Amino acid sequence: MTILEHLAIALVVYVSINNFFGISLEIGLIYAFTKYINKLFEPITRTVENIETVQEALVSINKIYDILDEKQYLENFEDGIVLEKVNGKIEFRNVWFSYDNEQWILKNVSFTINPGESIAFVGKTGSGKTTIINLINRFYEIQKGDIFIDDINIKDINVRSLREHIGIILQDPFIFATSIKDNIKLNQPLDDNKVQNAIQLASANEFVNNLPKGMEEVAKERGNSFSAGQKQLIAFARIFAHNPDIFVLDEATANIDTYTENLIQKSIDRISAEKTSIFIAHRLSTIVNVDKIIVLDKGEIIEQGNHLQLVNSGGYYSKLYNSYYESLG
C-alpha cells in the first residue's frame, strides 16, 4: 500500500510537470493533490495494518487452543520402586520412540551397558544420541520396547528415585540465580567441605577463588554472569558433589579449554572408575578409551565395539575418525 501511495503521488507530479493531456497544475494544486492522496490511502493502510494484527491474534488463539487440547501429563513422583543403590546396568530392548507419534527417532534399538562400563554414543546430529539419554531419565514414555535399570523396568521405578541416581552434564547446563555453593548443593544437605572438594575435582577452584565472594558469589539468571566454560565447570562440580551412580556427559567439555579439560578428564576417570559412564561426543579424541562405542545413524545402531575394533573394521566409525583427524590438519 505504501508503494501504491508513492506511485500515485509520483504520477500526479509527473503528469503535471510534463503537461500530459493538457493538464498543467500549479505548485499549490500539486501539493493539494498529494495531501488528498495521503488522506485517501491513510484508512486503507490502517486497515491493512489491522489485518496483520488480527492474523497475529488468530495464531495466538490457535496456540492457546493447542495447549487447552493437550492431554494433561503429570509425572507421578510417589509410586514405584525406590532404588536404594544402583549398580548401573542399563538395557534397551527393542526400543522404538517418536516425539510426535509419526516420525520414529529410535528404531528397534537394543543394547546393554554393564555396571561400571564406560559407553560412548557417536553419530550425526539427529541420529538419536540425546534422545537415548532423555529416555534413560524417563523424560518421555517410549511407544514400543522396554528399558531396564538393574533389570528393573524403569516404568516400575519411582521417577524421583531414578533421577537421583543419574547425573547429567549438558553442553549448556542450567545455572540458577543463586550462589555457586547453592547451585552445587541443589538443596541437598552437603557441607561446605564437600562442596569445596567438588570444586577442586572440577578444576574450578581457580575460577571460583578469583570471584569477589568465592563460592558465595551469586549468579545471574541462567548463569549469564559467567562464560559458557565457567558454567560447565560449575556443572561438573555439581556432579562430583552429588556422586551419582550413573554419569551422563553430553558433549560436556565443548566450551572448556584443553588444559582444563585434561584435568577434568582425570577427575572423571577417577570417580567413574566403578560407575557406569555414558558419553556423547563429537570430538572423537575424548572417547577413544571407553569400553564400548555405539554408533547410531537415523535412529538405528549400525556399529558397536571398542575404538580399535571399530577403526580396524573400516566401517562408518573408521571413516568418521579418519575424517576427524584429517580436519585437524
Protein backbone atom coordinates (compact mmCIF):
# COMPACT_ATOMS: atom_id res chain seq x y z
CA MET A 1 0.00 0.00 0.00
CA THR A 2 2.90 2.36 0.71
CA ILE A 3 4.33 1.66 -2.75
CA LEU A 4 0.95 2.35 -4.40
CA GLU A 5 0.62 5.63 -2.48
CA HIS A 6 4.05 6.80 -3.59
CA LEU A 7 3.36 5.76 -7.18
CA ALA A 8 0.12 7.78 -7.20
CA ILE A 9 1.94 10.89 -5.93
CA ALA A 10 4.73 10.41 -8.48
CA LEU A 11 2.17 10.05 -11.27
CA VAL A 12 0.41 13.32 -10.35
CA VAL A 13 3.71 15.19 -10.24
CA TYR A 14 4.96 13.64 -13.49
CA VAL A 15 1.77 14.37 -15.43
CA SER A 16 1.61 17.96 -14.16
CA ILE A 17 5.24 18.77 -14.91
CA ASN A 18 5.18 17.29 -18.42
CA ASN A 19 1.77 18.80 -19.30
CA PHE A 20 0.28 15.44 -20.38
CA PHE A 21 -3.34 15.52 -21.66
CA GLY A 22 -3.24 19.31 -21.41
CA ILE A 23 -3.01 19.10 -17.64
CA SER A 24 -0.88 21.80 -16.10
CA LEU A 25 -1.15 22.33 -12.35
CA GLU A 26 0.38 24.98 -10.21
CA ILE A 27 2.62 24.08 -7.29
CA GLY A 28 -0.16 24.74 -4.79
CA LEU A 29 -2.57 22.35 -6.58
CA ILE A 30 0.11 19.64 -6.88
CA TYR A 31 0.70 19.91 -3.15
CA ALA A 32 -3.05 19.72 -2.50
CA PHE A 33 -3.35 16.61 -4.70
CA THR A 34 -0.53 14.87 -2.81
CA LYS A 35 -2.22 15.62 0.52
CA TYR A 36 -5.54 14.26 -0.81
CA ILE A 37 -3.77 11.11 -1.97
CA ASN A 38 -2.27 10.76 1.53
CA LYS A 39 -5.70 11.13 3.06
CA LEU A 40 -7.13 8.58 0.61
CA PHE A 41 -4.54 5.92 1.40
CA GLU A 42 -4.41 6.52 5.15
CA PRO A 43 -7.53 4.46 6.08
CA ILE A 44 -6.55 1.75 3.58
CA THR A 45 -3.08 1.44 5.14
CA ARG A 46 -4.58 1.39 8.63
CA THR A 47 -6.95 -1.39 7.57
CA VAL A 48 -4.07 -3.46 6.20
CA GLU A 49 -2.16 -2.99 9.48
CA ASN A 50 -5.23 -4.14 11.43
CA ILE A 51 -5.50 -7.23 9.24
CA GLU A 52 -1.90 -8.08 10.18
CA THR A 53 -2.74 -7.65 13.89
CA VAL A 54 -5.81 -9.89 13.50
CA GLN A 55 -3.69 -12.57 11.84
CA GLU A 56 -1.20 -12.48 14.71
CA ALA A 57 -4.08 -12.74 17.19
CA LEU A 58 -5.52 -15.75 15.33
CA VAL A 59 -2.16 -17.51 15.52
CA SER A 60 -2.01 -16.84 19.28
CA ILE A 61 -5.57 -18.13 19.73
CA ASN A 62 -4.67 -21.33 17.88
CA LYS A 63 -1.69 -21.84 20.17
CA ILE A 64 -3.92 -21.35 23.23
CA TYR A 65 -6.36 -23.95 21.91
CA ASP A 66 -3.45 -26.34 21.28
CA ILE A 67 -2.44 -26.00 24.95
CA LEU A 68 -6.04 -26.47 26.13
CA ASP A 69 -6.45 -29.55 23.95
CA GLU A 70 -3.15 -31.07 25.13
CA LYS A 71 -3.67 -34.14 27.28
CA GLN A 72 -2.51 -33.41 30.79
CA TYR A 73 0.51 -35.45 31.81
CA LEU A 74 1.83 -35.11 35.33
CA GLU A 75 4.71 -37.27 36.46
CA ASN A 76 3.92 -39.43 39.45
CA PHE A 77 6.69 -38.88 41.98
CA GLU A 78 5.10 -41.02 44.69
CA ASP A 79 4.53 -44.50 43.25
CA GLY A 80 7.08 -47.03 42.07
CA ILE A 81 10.10 -48.87 43.40
CA VAL A 82 12.51 -46.71 45.38
CA LEU A 83 16.10 -47.57 44.50
CA GLU A 84 18.44 -47.56 47.47
CA LYS A 85 21.50 -48.44 45.40
CA VAL A 86 22.05 -48.61 41.65
CA ASN A 87 24.70 -50.91 40.24
CA GLY A 88 24.48 -49.18 36.88
CA LYS A 89 23.29 -51.84 34.47
CA ILE A 90 21.23 -50.27 31.65
CA GLU A 91 19.43 -52.28 29.00
CA PHE A 92 17.38 -51.22 25.99
CA ARG A 93 15.25 -53.97 24.46
CA ASN A 94 13.75 -53.29 21.04
CA VAL A 95 13.00 -49.66 21.86
CA TRP A 96 11.01 -47.56 19.40
CA PHE A 97 10.40 -43.91 20.14
CA SER A 98 8.86 -40.87 18.44
CA TYR A 99 8.27 -37.38 19.80
CA ASP A 100 5.17 -36.84 17.66
CA ASN A 101 3.96 -40.44 17.19
CA GLU A 102 4.70 -40.12 13.48
CA GLN A 103 8.42 -39.89 12.79
CA TRP A 104 10.50 -42.54 14.55
CA ILE A 105 13.61 -41.15 16.27
CA LEU A 106 14.74 -44.55 17.59
CA LYS A 107 14.03 -47.72 15.64
CA ASN A 108 14.29 -51.10 17.35
CA VAL A 109 17.29 -50.06 19.46
CA SER A 110 18.80 -52.74 21.70
CA PHE A 111 21.99 -52.62 23.75
CA THR A 112 23.28 -53.43 27.23
CA ILE A 113 25.58 -51.34 29.42
CA ASN A 114 27.07 -53.40 32.23
CA PRO A 115 27.75 -51.94 35.70
CA GLY A 116 30.91 -49.85 35.73
CA GLU A 117 31.27 -49.73 31.95
CA SER A 118 32.01 -46.54 30.05
CA ILE A 119 29.97 -46.16 26.87
CA ALA A 120 30.06 -43.54 24.12
CA PHE A 121 27.31 -42.79 21.60
CA VAL A 122 28.51 -41.47 18.26
CA GLY A 123 26.57 -40.32 15.22
CA LYS A 124 25.38 -37.42 13.16
CA THR A 125 23.16 -34.72 14.59
CA GLY A 126 19.63 -36.11 14.83
CA SER A 127 20.72 -39.75 14.99
CA GLY A 128 19.11 -40.23 18.43
CA LYS A 129 22.03 -39.86 20.87
CA THR A 130 20.47 -37.27 23.20
CA THR A 131 17.08 -38.99 22.90
CA ILE A 132 18.57 -42.12 24.50
CA ILE A 133 19.71 -40.01 27.46
CA ASN A 134 16.24 -38.49 27.78
CA LEU A 135 14.67 -41.93 27.81
CA ILE A 136 17.05 -43.29 30.45
CA ASN A 137 15.85 -40.45 32.70
CA ARG A 138 12.27 -41.18 31.68
CA PHE A 139 11.63 -37.67 30.44
CA TYR A 140 9.45 -39.30 27.76
CA GLU A 141 7.50 -42.55 27.53
CA ILE A 142 8.51 -44.96 24.79
CA GLN A 143 5.99 -46.35 22.31
CA LYS A 144 7.47 -49.85 21.96
CA GLY A 145 10.03 -51.96 23.79
CA ASP A 146 11.43 -51.82 27.32
CA ILE A 147 14.19 -50.04 29.22
CA PHE A 148 15.71 -51.60 32.32
CA ILE A 149 17.90 -50.26 35.14
CA ASP A 150 19.48 -53.10 37.11
CA ASP A 151 16.97 -55.47 35.44
CA ILE A 152 14.02 -53.40 36.69
CA ASN A 153 11.75 -51.82 34.10
CA ILE A 154 12.01 -48.05 34.52
CA LYS A 155 8.22 -47.85 34.30
CA ASP A 156 8.14 -49.61 37.68
CA ILE A 157 10.78 -47.35 39.28
CA ASN A 158 9.91 -44.25 41.27
CA VAL A 159 10.77 -41.32 38.98
CA ARG A 160 12.38 -39.21 41.69
CA SER A 161 14.45 -42.16 42.88
CA LEU A 162 15.54 -42.98 39.33
CA ARG A 163 16.79 -39.46 38.60
CA GLU A 164 18.56 -39.13 41.93
CA HIS A 165 20.96 -41.86 40.81
CA ILE A 166 21.71 -40.31 37.40
CA GLY A 167 23.90 -37.25 36.96
CA ILE A 168 23.82 -35.35 33.66
CA ILE A 169 26.06 -32.59 32.32
CA LEU A 170 24.80 -30.96 29.15
CA GLN A 171 26.52 -28.66 26.67
CA ASP A 172 24.59 -25.71 28.10
CA PRO A 173 23.99 -26.51 31.81
CA PHE A 174 21.33 -24.60 33.73
CA ILE A 175 22.63 -22.26 36.40
CA PHE A 176 20.16 -20.85 38.93
CA ALA A 177 20.10 -17.24 40.13
CA THR A 178 21.65 -18.10 43.47
CA SER A 179 25.13 -18.62 44.90
CA ILE A 180 27.63 -21.01 43.33
CA LYS A 181 27.52 -23.08 46.51
CA ASP A 182 23.73 -23.45 46.31
CA ASN A 183 23.99 -24.24 42.60
CA ILE A 184 26.25 -27.14 43.51
CA LYS A 185 24.26 -28.32 46.54
CA LEU A 186 20.84 -28.18 44.82
CA ASN A 187 19.00 -28.11 48.19
CA GLN A 188 20.81 -31.23 49.39
CA PRO A 189 22.40 -31.34 52.87
CA LEU A 190 26.02 -31.10 51.69
CA ASP A 191 28.60 -29.45 53.95
CA ASP A 192 30.98 -26.76 52.70
CA ASN A 193 33.96 -29.14 52.72
CA LYS A 194 32.21 -31.47 50.29
CA VAL A 195 31.32 -28.56 48.05
CA GLN A 196 34.92 -27.30 48.15
CA ASN A 197 36.24 -30.77 47.28
CA ALA A 198 33.82 -30.94 44.34
CA ILE A 199 35.07 -27.56 43.09
CA GLN A 200 38.64 -28.87 43.36
CA LEU A 201 37.81 -32.05 41.43
CA ALA A 202 36.15 -29.96 38.70
CA SER A 203 39.30 -27.83 38.39
CA ALA A 204 37.06 -24.84 39.10
CA ASN A 205 38.92 -23.66 42.22
CA GLU A 206 40.95 -21.01 40.37
CA PHE A 207 37.85 -19.56 38.71
CA VAL A 208 35.79 -19.62 41.95
CA ASN A 209 38.56 -18.24 44.17
CA ASN A 210 39.01 -15.25 41.85
CA LEU A 211 35.39 -14.20 42.35
CA PRO A 212 34.80 -11.38 44.89
CA LYS A 213 32.74 -13.64 47.18
CA GLY A 214 34.17 -17.02 46.20
CA MET A 215 31.61 -19.80 46.19
CA GLU A 216 29.11 -17.39 47.82
CA GLU A 217 29.08 -15.34 44.59
CA VAL A 218 25.51 -15.06 43.30
CA ALA A 219 24.98 -15.90 39.64
CA LYS A 220 22.65 -14.01 37.35
CA GLU A 221 19.63 -15.77 35.86
CA ARG A 222 20.73 -18.76 33.75
CA GLY A 223 24.33 -18.01 34.74
CA ASN A 224 24.63 -15.02 32.39
CA SER A 225 27.33 -13.54 34.60
CA PHE A 226 29.62 -16.47 33.70
CA SER A 227 31.10 -17.72 30.44
CA ALA A 228 29.94 -20.98 28.84
CA GLY A 229 33.09 -22.73 30.07
CA GLN A 230 32.64 -21.48 33.64
CA LYS A 231 29.05 -22.70 33.69
CA GLN A 232 30.26 -26.15 32.64
CA LEU A 233 32.82 -26.15 35.46
CA ILE A 234 30.02 -25.42 37.95
CA ALA A 235 28.01 -28.28 36.43
CA PHE A 236 30.98 -30.64 36.84
CA ALA A 237 31.36 -29.58 40.48
CA ARG A 238 27.64 -30.25 40.95
CA ILE A 239 28.02 -33.78 39.61
CA PHE A 240 31.12 -34.53 41.67
CA ALA A 241 29.41 -33.27 44.84
CA HIS A 242 26.35 -35.50 44.42
CA ASN A 243 28.36 -38.51 43.20
CA PRO A 244 25.58 -40.30 41.27
CA ASP A 245 25.77 -43.98 40.32
CA ILE A 246 25.42 -43.23 36.60
CA PHE A 247 27.29 -40.39 34.86
CA VAL A 248 25.99 -38.88 31.62
CA LEU A 249 28.12 -36.33 29.77
CA ASP A 250 26.55 -34.80 26.65
CA GLU A 251 29.49 -33.03 24.94
CA ALA A 252 30.15 -31.61 28.40
CA THR A 253 33.66 -30.29 27.75
CA ALA A 254 32.86 -28.48 24.50
CA ASN A 255 33.37 -24.99 25.95
CA ILE A 256 36.37 -25.76 28.17
CA ASP A 257 39.98 -25.15 27.19
CA THR A 258 42.19 -28.17 26.52
CA TYR A 259 44.29 -27.80 29.69
CA THR A 260 41.24 -27.70 31.99
CA GLU A 261 39.61 -30.49 30.00
CA ASN A 262 42.59 -32.77 30.67
CA LEU A 263 42.37 -32.02 34.41
CA ILE A 264 38.63 -32.70 34.47
CA GLN A 265 39.10 -35.90 32.47
CA LYS A 266 41.44 -37.22 35.16
CA SER A 267 38.80 -36.47 37.80
CA ILE A 268 36.13 -38.19 35.71
CA ASP A 269 38.33 -41.25 35.23
CA ARG A 270 38.99 -41.45 38.96
CA ILE A 271 35.39 -41.01 40.13
CA SER A 272 33.71 -43.05 37.37
CA ALA A 273 36.15 -45.98 37.65
CA GLU A 274 33.48 -48.06 39.40
CA LYS A 275 30.42 -46.31 37.98
CA THR A 276 28.55 -46.52 34.71
CA SER A 277 29.52 -43.63 32.45
CA ILE A 278 27.80 -42.54 29.25
CA PHE A 279 29.42 -40.07 26.86
CA ILE A 280 28.01 -38.23 23.86
CA ALA A 281 30.88 -36.64 21.98
CA HIS A 282 31.61 -35.04 18.64
CA ARG A 283 35.30 -34.74 19.43
CA LEU A 284 36.31 -38.37 19.00
CA SER A 285 39.58 -37.84 20.86
CA THR A 286 37.61 -37.74 24.14
CA ILE A 287 36.14 -41.24 23.78
CA VAL A 288 38.96 -43.42 22.46
CA ASN A 289 39.45 -45.06 25.87
CA VAL A 290 35.85 -46.00 26.65
CA ASP A 291 34.88 -49.67 26.97
CA LYS A 292 32.34 -49.60 24.15
CA ILE A 293 31.33 -47.22 21.37
CA ILE A 294 27.81 -47.42 19.93
CA VAL A 295 27.40 -45.81 16.52
CA LEU A 296 23.94 -44.52 15.59
CA ASP A 297 22.56 -43.47 12.23
CA LYS A 298 18.96 -42.35 11.64
CA GLY A 299 17.84 -43.88 14.93
CA GLU A 300 19.42 -47.29 14.41
CA ILE A 301 22.57 -48.92 15.77
CA ILE A 302 24.88 -49.63 12.87
CA GLU A 303 28.10 -50.48 14.73
CA GLN A 304 29.34 -51.18 18.23
CA GLY A 305 32.64 -52.19 19.76
CA ASN A 306 35.71 -50.58 21.27
CA HIS A 307 37.77 -47.94 19.49
CA LEU A 308 40.36 -50.29 17.96
CA GLN A 309 37.74 -52.77 16.75
CA LEU A 310 35.73 -50.07 15.02
CA VAL A 311 38.74 -48.35 13.47
CA ASN A 312 40.05 -51.65 12.10
CA SER A 313 36.62 -52.65 10.76
CA GLY A 314 36.76 -49.91 8.11
CA GLY A 315 33.10 -49.02 8.66
CA TYR A 316 31.26 -45.80 9.41
CA TYR A 317 33.16 -45.04 12.63
CA SER A 318 36.51 -45.63 10.95
CA LYS A 319 35.66 -43.13 8.21
CA LEU A 320 34.36 -40.66 10.79
CA TYR A 321 37.52 -41.00 12.88
CA ASN A 322 39.86 -40.59 9.91
CA SER A 323 37.99 -37.55 8.60
CA TYR A 324 38.05 -36.03 12.09
CA TYR A 325 41.84 -36.18 12.28
CA GLU A 326 42.24 -35.04 8.70
CA SER A 327 40.21 -31.95 9.59
CA LEU A 328 42.67 -31.21 12.39
CA GLY A 329 45.42 -31.00 9.80
